[in-house]
Amino acid sequence: MWISRDDSKQSVGANSKEELLQLIGAQWRQMQREQKDASVERTAKGPQAGDRRARSQRKTRSNDSTEARPSFKKRSGFKKR
């Protein structure tokens, strides 16, 4: 990245390269923090009322039954050859 000294001093008030990079890093961290907070809020809020695709992604089996179910059903009427 190329920034002239005059432009950096005029736009953000940075006198040195190190100060300019610190300002950029601070702004970057702030933006990342805001994006993380927004994504946490969005996931906590859940899908919108009419968003069928997002609603279907959240559908899960109810945890009402505590008994363990087998992962597949045995076919008792299967004919052996």
Protein backbone atom coordinates (compact mmCIF):
# COMPACT_ATOMS: atom_id res chain seq x y z
CA MET A 1 0.00 0.00 0.00
CA TRP A 2 1.39 3.38 -0.99
CA ILE A 3 0.31 6.42 1.00
CA SER A 4 2.12 9.72 0.95
CA ARG A 5 3.04 11.40 4.22
CA ASP A 6 1.09 14.51 3.39
CA ASP A 7 -2.07 12.55 2.56
CA SER A 8 -1.88 10.43 5.72
CA LYS A 9 -1.34 13.48 7.91
CA GLN A 10 -4.14 15.37 6.21
CA SER A 11 -6.76 12.57 6.28
CA VAL A 12 -6.18 10.86 9.65
CA GLY A 13 -3.59 12.99 11.39
CA ALA A 14 -0.86 10.33 11.41
CA ASN A 15 2.69 11.67 11.44
CA SER A 16 4.52 8.37 10.97
CA LYS A 17 4.08 5.10 9.17
CA GLU A 18 3.79 3.20 12.45
CA GLU A 19 1.05 5.51 13.71
CA LEU A 20 -0.85 5.12 10.45
CA LEU A 21 -0.64 1.31 10.63
CA GLN A 22 -1.81 1.35 14.25
CA LEU A 23 -4.84 3.43 13.25
CA ILE A 24 -5.63 1.03 10.40
CA GLY A 25 -5.28 -1.97 12.74
CA ALA A 26 -7.55 -0.42 15.36
CA GLN A 27 -10.21 0.32 12.74
CA TRP A 28 -9.89 -3.23 11.36
CA ARG A 29 -10.35 -4.78 14.83
CA GLN A 30 -13.40 -2.60 15.46
CA MET A 31 -14.98 -3.69 12.16
CA GLN A 32 -14.29 -7.37 12.91
CA ARG A 33 -15.82 -7.03 16.39
CA GLU A 34 -18.97 -5.41 14.94
CA GLN A 35 -19.32 -8.15 12.32
CA LYS A 36 -18.97 -10.85 14.97
CA ASP A 37 -21.59 -9.20 17.18
CA ALA A 38 -23.97 -8.84 14.23
CA SER A 39 -23.59 -12.52 13.28
CA VAL A 40 -24.24 -13.60 16.89
CA GLU A 41 -27.41 -11.48 16.97
CA ARG A 42 -28.55 -12.88 13.62
CA THR A 43 -28.13 -16.50 14.72
CA ALA A 44 -29.85 -15.84 18.05
CA LYS A 45 -32.75 -14.13 16.29
CA GLY A 46 -33.39 -17.10 14.02
CA PRO A 47 -34.88 -17.17 10.54
CA GLN A 48 -37.50 -14.69 9.38
CA ALA A 49 -41.17 -15.71 9.39
CA GLY A 50 -41.42 -16.29 5.65
CA ASP A 51 -37.97 -17.77 5.10
CA ARG A 52 -38.93 -21.36 4.28
CA ARG A 53 -35.41 -22.45 3.34
CA ALA A 54 -33.86 -21.27 6.62
CA ARG A 55 -36.73 -22.72 8.65
CA SER A 56 -36.31 -26.14 7.06
CA GLN A 57 -32.60 -26.11 7.95
CA ARG A 58 -33.48 -25.72 11.63
CA LYS A 59 -36.00 -28.54 11.80
CA THR A 60 -34.69 -31.34 13.97
CA ARG A 61 -36.12 -34.41 15.60
CA SER A 62 -37.74 -33.66 18.93
CA ASN A 63 -35.85 -34.76 21.99
CA ASP A 64 -39.01 -35.93 23.78
CA SER A 65 -38.19 -39.64 23.54
CA THR A 66 -35.21 -40.57 25.65
CA GLU A 67 -34.91 -44.19 24.47
CA ALA A 68 -32.12 -44.94 22.06
CA ARG A 69 -33.24 -45.76 18.54
CA PRO A 70 -31.23 -47.88 16.13
CA SER A 71 -29.78 -45.99 13.20
CA PHE A 72 -31.51 -48.29 10.71
CA LYS A 73 -34.57 -50.51 10.64
CA LYS A 74 -34.06 -54.22 10.10
CA ARG A 75 -36.07 -55.68 7.28
CA SER A 76 -37.69 -58.75 8.79
CA GLY A 77 -39.54 -59.71 5.62
CA PHE A 78 -36.43 -59.71 3.45
CA LYS A 79 -36.00 -62.91 1.47
CA LYS A 80 -32.54 -64.41 1.37
CA ARG A 81 -31.41 -65.77 -1.95
